[in-house]
Amino acid sequence: GHRPRGSSPCRRTPRYPATLKERYLSPTEYQRLGAVLATVEAEMPDAVAVIRLLLLTGARVSEILTLRWEQVQPPRLHLPDSKTGPKFIYLGSHAATILAGLPRHAGCPWVFRAGRGEGPLSGISPQWRRIRRAAAIPDVRLHDLRHSFASVAINNGVSLMLIGRLLGHALPETTARYAHLEDSSIVEAASRVSRSLGQALRARA
């Protein structure tokens, strides 16, 4: 309010181009990761549960780490104060089963409590580094699991609008970054149709 509207001296200054790092897990990488998670689950149950929820919901890391039991309202999680404001995270059957199997500690509101103190779990970076090395995906960040969720959704025919709802995007422009994935799925569908038609045209009457 200290300057008239439209009078900012930076108004015409171009922004630096954004360089988005996008990494998506392949089906083979999903299999390797699932095998490693099953192997280390008894040793680090909280970290494995967090990673599985990230994989199955597309939620942000902070949203799972700071999740409270009162926010677990199947078939969704109700987050009153997420990065983009209040939002719902919708739970599939596998994610709901994971949450239902987690222990509850008397007097503790957190789904994942800290090893020491009364707060939530602060992070799982050391565990994730070990897990991703064992799964031969050393370049995959925890946030990439969110991108991979969107990739799988697109490959299963989910529209960008619904993916935006699943990921809790406030703006459609945010979801639009996955449009190239949708294009690749359409190209693959066109290739399948083309192959079928080509076979039909070559068939003898």
Foldseek 3Di string as FASTA:
>chain_A
DPDPPPPDPCPPPDDDDDDDDADADDPLLVVLLVVLLVVCCVVPVVVSLLLVLCLQQLEDSVCQQQAFPVQPDPQWGWDQCDPVGTAIAGHDPVNVVSLVPQDDDPPQGHSAPDPDDRHTHPDCVVVVCVSCVSSVNNPDDSNNSSSNSLLVCLLVPHDLVVNCRSHVPPDSVVSCVCVVSNVVSVVVVVVVVVVVVVVVVPDDD
